[in-house]
Amino acid sequence: MKTGLQIKEALQMQLDVQKTLHEQLEIQRNLQLRIEEQGKQLRMMFDQHHKTNTSSSGHDPTEDNHPCEDTSVQS
């Protein structure tokens, strides 16, 4: 049978693990937000670059497919 001290130690260990997991989750959330923000910035940079290149070449950008869009038909 477990003593009161053993139970207390087990509960403390569980609390420590939960605290660590919570901290890791917060870090993951922050990293995910940073990744999403960088993705938005990259998209804006790509769109601006694409717009600049197509306007300087006289090419109509509406004729191009967006590089992230798959316009092929799968059968």
PDB file of N, CA and C in Angstrom:
ATOM      1  N   MET A   1       0.849  -1.180   0.000  1.00  0.00           N
ATOM      2  CA  MET A   1       0.000   0.000   0.000  1.00  0.00           C
ATOM      3  C   MET A   1       0.893   1.241   0.000  1.00  0.00           C
ATOM      4  N   LYS A   2       0.469   2.231  -0.788  1.00  0.00           N
ATOM      5  CA  LYS A   2       1.264   3.452  -0.890  1.00  0.00           C
ATOM      6  C   LYS A   2       1.066   4.323   0.340  1.00  0.00           C
ATOM      7  N   THR A   3       2.130   4.929   0.698  1.00  0.00           N
ATOM      8  CA  THR A   3       2.057   5.847   1.833  1.00  0.00           C
ATOM      9  C   THR A   3       1.605   7.220   1.354  1.00  0.00           C
ATOM     10  N   GLY A   4       1.249   8.051   2.265  1.00  0.00           N
ATOM     11  CA  GLY A   4       0.843   9.415   1.935  1.00  0.00           C
ATOM     12  C   GLY A   4       1.948  10.171   1.231  1.00  0.00           C
ATOM     13  N   LEU A   5       3.197   9.931   1.615  1.00  0.00           N
ATOM     14  CA  LEU A   5       4.332  10.603   0.996  1.00  0.00           C
ATOM     15  C   LEU A   5       4.486  10.186  -0.459  1.00  0.00           C
ATOM     16  N   GLN A   6       4.300   8.890  -0.734  1.00  0.00           N
ATOM     17  CA  GLN A   6       4.407   8.405  -2.108  1.00  0.00           C
ATOM     18  C   GLN A   6       3.317   9.023  -2.990  1.00  0.00           C
ATOM     19  N   ILE A   7       2.128   9.128  -2.445  1.00  0.00           N
ATOM     20  CA  ILE A   7       1.025   9.737  -3.198  1.00  0.00           C
ATOM     21  C   ILE A   7       1.321  11.204  -3.458  1.00  0.00           C
ATOM     22  N   LYS A   8       1.819  11.882  -2.430  1.00  0.00           N
ATOM     23  CA  LYS A   8       2.159  13.294  -2.586  1.00  0.00           C
ATOM     24  C   LYS A   8       3.237  13.478  -3.647  1.00  0.00           C
ATOM     25  N   GLU A   9       4.252  12.629  -3.663  1.00  0.00           N
ATOM     26  CA  GLU A   9       5.318  12.715  -4.658  1.00  0.00           C
ATOM     27  C   GLU A   9       4.790  12.424  -6.061  1.00  0.00           C
ATOM     28  N   ALA A  10       3.900  11.447  -6.176  1.00  0.00           N
ATOM     29  CA  ALA A  10       3.319  11.111  -7.477  1.00  0.00           C
ATOM     30  C   ALA A  10       2.490  12.275  -8.007  1.00  0.00           C
ATOM     31  N   LEU A  11       1.711  12.905  -7.137  1.00  0.00           N
ATOM     32  CA  LEU A  11       0.914  14.050  -7.555  1.00  0.00           C
ATOM     33  C   LEU A  11       1.796  15.224  -7.959  1.00  0.00           C
ATOM     34  N   GLN A  12       2.872  15.433  -7.244  1.00  0.00           N
ATOM     35  CA  GLN A  12       3.791  16.521  -7.584  1.00  0.00           C
ATOM     36  C   GLN A  12       4.434  16.270  -8.946  1.00  0.00           C
ATOM     37  N   MET A  13       4.825  15.013  -9.186  1.00  0.00           N
ATOM     38  CA  MET A  13       5.406  14.662 -10.488  1.00  0.00           C
ATOM     39  C   MET A  13       4.390  14.892 -11.599  1.00  0.00           C
ATOM     40  N   GLN A  14       3.142  14.532 -11.358  1.00  0.00           N
ATOM     41  CA  GLN A  14       2.097  14.731 -12.355  1.00  0.00           C
ATOM     42  C   GLN A  14       1.898  16.216 -12.637  1.00  0.00           C
ATOM     43  N   LEU A  15       1.882  17.035 -11.607  1.00  0.00           N
ATOM     44  CA  LEU A  15       1.754  18.476 -11.792  1.00  0.00           C
ATOM     45  C   LEU A  15       2.930  19.055 -12.578  1.00  0.00           C
ATOM     46  N   ASP A  16       4.128  18.567 -12.288  1.00  0.00           N
ATOM     47  CA  ASP A  16       5.312  19.029 -13.010  1.00  0.00           C
ATOM     48  C   ASP A  16       5.224  18.677 -14.498  1.00  0.00           C
ATOM     49  N   VAL A  17       4.771  17.455 -14.783  1.00  0.00           N
ATOM     50  CA  VAL A  17       4.630  17.029 -16.176  1.00  0.00           C
ATOM     51  C   VAL A  17       3.567  17.870 -16.878  1.00  0.00           C
ATOM     52  N   GLN A  18       2.449  18.110 -16.199  1.00  0.00           N
ATOM     53  CA  GLN A  18       1.398  18.930 -16.793  1.00  0.00           C
ATOM     54  C   GLN A  18       1.885  20.351 -17.070  1.00  0.00           C
ATOM     55  N   LYS A  19       2.659  20.895 -16.150  1.00  0.00           N
ATOM     56  CA  LYS A  19       3.208  22.243 -16.346  1.00  0.00           C
ATOM     57  C   LYS A  19       4.141  22.274 -17.555  1.00  0.00           C
ATOM     58  N   THR A  20       4.988  21.264 -17.669  1.00  0.00           N
ATOM     59  CA  THR A  20       5.908  21.183 -18.802  1.00  0.00           C
ATOM     60  C   THR A  20       5.146  21.053 -20.116  1.00  0.00           C
ATOM     61  N   LEU A  21       4.124  20.211 -20.139  1.00  0.00           N
ATOM     62  CA  LEU A  21       3.320  20.036 -21.349  1.00  0.00           C
ATOM     63  C   LEU A  21       2.612  21.334 -21.730  1.00  0.00           C
ATOM     64  N   HIS A  22       2.113  22.047 -20.741  1.00  0.00           N
ATOM     65  CA  HIS A  22       1.452  23.329 -20.999  1.00  0.00           C
ATOM     66  C   HIS A  22       2.441  24.331 -21.599  1.00  0.00           C
ATOM     67  N   GLU A  23       3.638  24.384 -21.060  1.00  0.00           N
ATOM     68  CA  GLU A  23       4.666  25.289 -21.589  1.00  0.00           C
ATOM     69  C   GLU A  23       5.021  24.924 -23.023  1.00  0.00           C
ATOM     70  N   GLN A  24       5.147  23.622 -23.297  1.00  0.00           N
ATOM     71  CA  GLN A  24       5.455  23.181 -24.662  1.00  0.00           C
ATOM     72  C   GLN A  24       4.327  23.538 -25.623  1.00  0.00           C
ATOM     73  N   LEU A  25       3.095  23.411 -25.171  1.00  0.00           N
ATOM     74  CA  LEU A  25       1.951  23.762 -26.007  1.00  0.00           C
ATOM     75  C   LEU A  25       1.957  25.247 -26.336  1.00  0.00           C
ATOM     76  N   GLU A  26       2.263  26.072 -25.372  1.00  0.00           N
ATOM     77  CA  GLU A  26       2.341  27.511 -25.615  1.00  0.00           C
ATOM     78  C   GLU A  26       3.441  27.833 -26.634  1.00  0.00           C
ATOM     79  N   ILE A  27       4.565  27.175 -26.510  1.00  0.00           N
ATOM     80  CA  ILE A  27       5.662  27.379 -27.463  1.00  0.00           C
ATOM     81  C   ILE A  27       5.220  26.968 -28.860  1.00  0.00           C
ATOM     82  N   GLN A  28       4.551  25.830 -28.970  1.00  0.00           N
ATOM     83  CA  GLN A  28       4.063  25.367 -30.272  1.00  0.00           C
ATOM     84  C   GLN A  28       3.056  26.349 -30.867  1.00  0.00           C
ATOM     85  N   ARG A  29       2.175  26.876 -30.043  1.00  0.00           N
ATOM     86  CA  ARG A  29       1.201  27.865 -30.535  1.00  0.00           C
ATOM     87  C   ARG A  29       1.914  29.092 -31.070  1.00  0.00           C
ATOM     88  N   ASN A  30       2.877  29.587 -30.323  1.00  0.00           N
ATOM     89  CA  ASN A  30       3.621  30.774 -30.759  1.00  0.00           C
ATOM     90  C   ASN A  30       4.389  30.502 -32.048  1.00  0.00           C
ATOM     91  N   LEU A  31       4.999  29.331 -32.142  1.00  0.00           N
ATOM     92  CA  LEU A  31       5.712  28.983 -33.370  1.00  0.00           C
ATOM     93  C   LEU A  31       4.751  28.890 -34.552  1.00  0.00           C
ATOM     94  N   GLN A  32       3.586  28.300 -34.334  1.00  0.00           N
ATOM     95  CA  GLN A  32       2.587  28.187 -35.403  1.00  0.00           C
ATOM     96  C   GLN A  32       2.147  29.563 -35.881  1.00  0.00           C
ATOM     97  N   LEU A  33       1.942  30.487 -34.951  1.00  0.00           N
ATOM     98  CA  LEU A  33       1.562  31.849 -35.331  1.00  0.00           C
ATOM     99  C   LEU A  33       2.672  32.520 -36.145  1.00  0.00           C
ATOM    100  N   ARG A  34       3.912  32.305 -35.738  1.00  0.00           N
ATOM    101  CA  ARG A  34       5.043  32.884 -36.477  1.00  0.00           C
ATOM    102  C   ARG A  34       5.146  32.290 -37.872  1.00  0.00           C
ATOM    103  N   ILE A  35       4.941  30.980 -37.976  1.00  0.00           N
ATOM    104  CA  ILE A  35       4.994  30.308 -39.276  1.00  0.00           C
ATOM    105  C   ILE A  35       3.900  30.854 -40.190  1.00  0.00           C
ATOM    106  N   GLU A  36       2.693  30.998 -39.653  1.00  0.00           N
ATOM    107  CA  GLU A  36       1.589  31.529 -40.452  1.00  0.00           C
ATOM    108  C   GLU A  36       1.864  32.955 -40.899  1.00  0.00           C
ATOM    109  N   GLU A  37       2.411  33.774 -40.022  1.00  0.00           N
ATOM    110  CA  GLU A  37       2.729  35.157 -40.374  1.00  0.00           C
ATOM    111  C   GLU A  37       3.813  35.201 -41.446  1.00  0.00           C
ATOM    112  N   GLN A  38       4.830  34.380 -41.317  1.00  0.00           N
ATOM    113  CA  GLN A  38       5.882  34.336 -42.334  1.00  0.00           C
ATOM    114  C   GLN A  38       5.322  33.858 -43.666  1.00  0.00           C
ATOM    115  N   GLY A  39       4.379  32.922 -43.619  1.00  0.00           N
ATOM    116  CA  GLY A  39       3.739  32.459 -44.847  1.00  0.00           C
ATOM    117  C   GLY A  39       2.988  33.588 -45.539  1.00  0.00           C
ATOM    118  N   LYS A  40       2.285  34.404 -44.749  1.00  0.00           N
ATOM    119  CA  LYS A  40       1.574  35.550 -45.314  1.00  0.00           C
ATOM    120  C   LYS A  40       2.550  36.536 -45.939  1.00  0.00           C
ATOM    121  N   GLN A  41       3.663  36.786 -45.239  1.00  0.00           N
ATOM    122  CA  GLN A  41       4.657  37.722 -45.761  1.00  0.00           C
ATOM    123  C   GLN A  41       5.282  37.194 -47.051  1.00  0.00           C
ATOM    124  N   LEU A  42       5.579  35.896 -47.085  1.00  0.00           N
ATOM    125  CA  LEU A  42       6.129  35.304 -48.301  1.00  0.00           C
ATOM    126  C   LEU A  42       5.143  35.393 -49.454  1.00  0.00           C
ATOM    127  N   ARG A  43       3.880  35.146 -49.161  1.00  0.00           N
ATOM    128  CA  ARG A  43       2.837  35.245 -50.188  1.00  0.00           C
ATOM    129  C   ARG A  43       2.771  36.662 -50.732  1.00  0.00           C
ATOM    130  N   MET A  44       2.803  37.662 -49.843  1.00  0.00           N
ATOM    131  CA  MET A  44       2.761  39.053 -50.286  1.00  0.00           C
ATOM    132  C   MET A  44       3.993  39.396 -51.121  1.00  0.00           C
ATOM    133  N   MET A  45       5.154  38.908 -50.688  1.00  0.00           N
ATOM    134  CA  MET A  45       6.376  39.166 -51.446  1.00  0.00           C
ATOM    135  C   MET A  45       6.302  38.515 -52.828  1.00  0.00           C
ATOM    136  N   PHE A  46       5.832  37.286 -52.867  1.00  0.00           N
ATOM    137  CA  PHE A  46       5.719  36.588 -54.140  1.00  0.00           C
ATOM    138  C   PHE A  46       4.742  37.309 -55.062  1.00  0.00           C
ATOM    139  N   ASP A  47       3.575  37.679 -54.524  1.00  0.00           N
ATOM    140  CA  ASP A  47       2.572  38.374 -55.334  1.00  0.00           C
ATOM    141  C   ASP A  47       3.115  39.703 -55.857  1.00  0.00           C
ATOM    142  N   GLN A  48       3.822  40.447 -55.009  1.00  0.00           N
ATOM    143  CA  GLN A  48       4.394  41.719 -55.431  1.00  0.00           C
ATOM    144  C   GLN A  48       5.448  41.502 -56.511  1.00  0.00           C
ATOM    145  N   HIS A  49       6.282  40.499 -56.325  1.00  0.00           N
ATOM    146  CA  HIS A  49       7.315  40.187 -57.316  1.00  0.00           C
ATOM    147  C   HIS A  49       6.660  39.784 -58.642  1.00  0.00           C
ATOM    148  N   HIS A  50       5.651  38.943 -58.554  1.00  0.00           N
ATOM    149  CA  HIS A  50       4.938  38.484 -59.745  1.00  0.00           C
ATOM    150  C   HIS A  50       4.275  39.667 -60.451  1.00  0.00           C
ATOM    151  N   LYS A  51       3.658  40.548 -59.679  1.00  0.00           N
ATOM    152  CA  LYS A  51       2.987  41.724 -60.234  1.00  0.00           C
ATOM    153  C   LYS A  51       4.003  42.641 -60.917  1.00  0.00           C
ATOM    154  N   THR A  52       5.143  42.839 -60.265  1.00  0.00           N
ATOM    155  CA  THR A  52       6.184  43.699 -60.823  1.00  0.00           C
ATOM    156  C   THR A  52       6.729  43.118 -62.125  1.00  0.00           C
ATOM    157  N   ASN A  53       6.998  41.827 -62.129  1.00  0.00           N
ATOM    158  CA  ASN A  53       7.547  41.194 -63.328  1.00  0.00           C
ATOM    159  C   ASN A  53       6.559  41.205 -64.488  1.00  0.00           C
ATOM    160  N   THR A  54       5.300  40.947 -64.214  1.00  0.00           N
ATOM    161  CA  THR A  54       4.323  40.894 -65.298  1.00  0.00           C
ATOM    162  C   THR A  54       3.986  42.284 -65.816  1.00  0.00           C
ATOM    163  N   SER A  55       3.986  43.298 -64.959  1.00  0.00           N
ATOM    164  CA  SER A  55       3.676  44.643 -65.419  1.00  0.00           C
ATOM    165  C   SER A  55       4.847  45.241 -66.195  1.00  0.00           C
ATOM    166  N   SER A  56       6.070  44.901 -65.840  1.00  0.00           N
ATOM    167  CA  SER A  56       7.219  45.442 -66.550  1.00  0.00           C
ATOM    168  C   SER A  56       7.437  44.754 -67.884  1.00  0.00           C
ATOM    169  N   SER A  57       6.925  43.534 -68.039  1.00  0.00           N
ATOM    170  CA  SER A  57       7.105  42.820 -69.304  1.00  0.00           C
ATOM    171  C   SER A  57       5.948  43.056 -70.261  1.00  0.00           C
ATOM    172  N   GLY A  58       4.908  43.726 -69.797  1.00  0.00           N
ATOM    173  CA  GLY A  58       3.748  43.967 -70.629  1.00  0.00           C
ATOM    174  C   GLY A  58       2.854  42.746 -70.755  1.00  0.00           C
ATOM    175  N   HIS A  59       3.128  41.729 -69.989  1.00  0.00           N
ATOM    176  CA  HIS A  59       2.358  40.483 -70.017  1.00  0.00           C
ATOM    177  C   HIS A  59       1.118  40.633 -69.162  1.00  0.00           C
ATOM    178  N   ASP A  60       0.006  40.076 -69.627  1.00  0.00           N
ATOM    179  CA  ASP A  60      -1.245  40.155 -68.877  1.00  0.00           C
ATOM    180  C   ASP A  60      -1.234  39.098 -67.775  1.00  0.00           C
ATOM    181  N   PRO A  61      -1.169  39.500 -66.495  1.00  0.00           N
ATOM    182  CA  PRO A  61      -1.087  38.526 -65.404  1.00  0.00           C
ATOM    183  C   PRO A  61      -2.353  37.694 -65.245  1.00  0.00           C
ATOM    184  N   THR A  62      -3.465  38.140 -65.826  1.00  0.00           N
ATOM    185  CA  THR A  62      -4.691  37.358 -65.689  1.00  0.00           C
ATOM    186  C   THR A  62      -4.644  36.094 -66.528  1.00  0.00           C
ATOM    187  N   GLU A  63      -3.686  36.023 -67.452  1.00  0.00           N
ATOM    188  CA  GLU A  63      -3.556  34.826 -68.276  1.00  0.00           C
ATOM    189  C   GLU A  63      -2.800  33.717 -67.561  1.00  0.00           C
ATOM    190  N   ASP A  64      -2.101  34.045 -66.519  1.00  0.00           N
ATOM    191  CA  ASP A  64      -1.273  33.069 -65.805  1.00  0.00           C
ATOM    192  C   ASP A  64      -2.073  32.354 -64.733  1.00  0.00           C
ATOM    193  N   ASN A  65      -1.693  31.115 -64.505  1.00  0.00           N
ATOM    194  CA  ASN A  65      -2.227  30.374 -63.362  1.00  0.00           C
ATOM    195  C   ASN A  65      -1.391  30.718 -62.152  1.00  0.00           C
ATOM    196  N   HIS A  66      -2.026  30.784 -61.019  1.00  0.00           N
ATOM    197  CA  HIS A  66      -1.287  31.035 -59.788  1.00  0.00           C
ATOM    198  C   HIS A  66      -0.429  29.812 -59.507  1.00  0.00           C
ATOM    199  N   PRO A  67       0.834  29.962 -59.111  1.00  0.00           N
ATOM    200  CA  PRO A  67       1.727  28.810 -58.927  1.00  0.00           C
ATOM    201  C   PRO A  67       1.285  27.843 -57.847  1.00  0.00           C
ATOM    202  N   CYS A  68       0.450  28.289 -56.923  1.00  0.00           N
ATOM    203  CA  CYS A  68      -0.001  27.404 -55.847  1.00  0.00           C
ATOM    204  C   CYS A  68      -1.307  26.707 -56.195  1.00  0.00           C
ATOM    205  N   GLU A  69      -1.890  27.097 -57.312  1.00  0.00           N
ATOM    206  CA  GLU A  69      -3.165  26.517 -57.694  1.00  0.00           C
ATOM    207  C   GLU A  69      -2.926  25.407 -58.707  1.00  0.00           C
ATOM    208  N   ASP A  70      -3.592  24.291 -58.526  1.00  0.00           N
ATOM    209  CA  ASP A  70      -3.496  23.170 -59.437  1.00  0.00           C
ATOM    210  C   ASP A  70      -4.714  23.219 -60.341  1.00  0.00           C
ATOM    211  N   THR A  71      -4.495  23.579 -61.601  1.00  0.00           N
ATOM    212  CA  THR A  71      -5.617  23.700 -62.524  1.00  0.00           C
ATOM    213  C   THR A  71      -5.777  22.456 -63.383  1.00  0.00           C
ATOM    214  N   SER A  72      -4.935  21.449 -63.161  1.00  0.00           N
ATOM    215  CA  SER A  72      -5.058  20.232 -63.943  1.00  0.00           C
ATOM    216  C   SER A  72      -6.261  19.437 -63.472  1.00  0.00           C
ATOM    217  N   VAL A  73      -6.821  18.691 -64.405  1.00  0.00           N
ATOM    218  CA  VAL A  73      -7.982  17.866 -64.082  1.00  0.00           C
ATOM    219  C   VAL A  73      -7.517  16.456 -63.834  1.00  0.00           C
ATOM    220  N   GLN A  74      -7.847  15.935 -62.683  1.00  0.00           N
ATOM    221  CA  GLN A  74      -7.483  14.572 -62.316  1.00  0.00           C
ATOM    222  C   GLN A  74      -8.607  13.636 -62.694  1.00  0.00           C
ATOM    223  N   SER A  75      -8.274  12.503 -63.326  1.00  0.00           N
ATOM    224  CA  SER A  75      -9.320  11.535 -63.633  1.00  0.00           C
ATOM    225  C   SER A  75      -9.054  10.202 -63.017  1.00  0.00           C
TER     226      SER A  75
END
